[in-house]
Amino acid sequence: MESAVAVPGLDVHVYSRPYHDEAAGGDVLYVSSCGTGRIARILVADVAGHGEKVADIARVLRDLMRRFINYVDQTAFVFALNRAFAAAATDGRFATAVAATYWSATDCLTATNAGHPRPVWYCAERGAWKILKDDDDPAGEPVSANLPLGVIDLTEYDHITVRIAPGDVVLFYTDSIIEAREPGGQMLGERGLVQMLGDLDAKRPQDLVRQLVDRVAAFRGGQEPDDDLTVLAMVCTGQKPPRPVREKMRSSTLFARALIARLRDGRTPVPWPEVSVVNMLGAFIRPINRRWGGRLREGEVRTGAAARRPR
């Protein structure tokens, strides 16, 4: 499957292929924008296992993303998502994931990693790719406390925030990319992925994903991947959300429709809003939004405090 979608501030290009071309798999992709266009959410997840046998639990995770899409705060969002998934995955399944929130008012992207391969970021100003990590950490190793979703319902998560600019690209992917092996047995790994991306044209993001998938296939020597494979390229456009009143009221309309659908079928996820000043008033008073995400310079990276249970 190849597709593209645009939300305020972002263009997103996706490639996803289930294991052995089965009808469904365990990789989860979710891209959505809140009704006001201020917040875009991206989730790339990999449920343990592959193929159709894990497709049901993958759909559960996708529904939970819809349910919590209107949580503005990254801490509350990730905590709620993990707790609900732990309760829903009664068969002991877990999922590695990267959940990212893009705040269009400040062009800040906050990513929380739950045991998943780290995103790769192309900074257009520097013309180079790098692993999205804390620059103050020389090793840049993933934090061991960042467990996959569904393992422990009260897990704490660290997050990283970066201010991106038009032309920047953030690449999310599942482990079948960096765990690809050439015929001699050497694994691609993070470093190999960054080098491979450096040979591609990041200024043509509409072609980047397909070119990367083809390069990884060539690296494997034509061998089929042994898991589901997913790549998502998020491109910053800098577009701001619309300002007309009717657009600002759109979130209330969408919420009402989802609530009615839930009452009818008992299944439709209801995107309950987070009760906060930023969420409730930010749709109408733009300056409130600018304080969210911090005051970062373009290209600056900031590591956030661990995401804990909201008080």
Foldseek 3Di string as FASTA:
>chain_A
DWDWDDAFFKIKTKDWAFAVNAPAWQWAWDWDAFLLRQKIKIKTKGKPDIHPVNRVLSVVLRLLCQQAVQEPDPLQSVLSSLLVSLVVPPVQIFMWMKMWMAGLLQQKIKIWTQPFDFKWKQAPVVRAIDTQADPVDVVRDDDPQRHTRNPDSFGWIKMKMARADALMKIKDKGPLQQQQAAPVGDGCHPVNLRVVLSVDDSSPVNCSVVVSVVVSCVRNVNDGGRGIIMMMMMGGHSGHGDQDPVSLCRNVVVQVVQVVVCVVPVDRRHHDHDPDCCSPCCSHDVVSSNPPRHNDDHGDMDMGDISGHDD
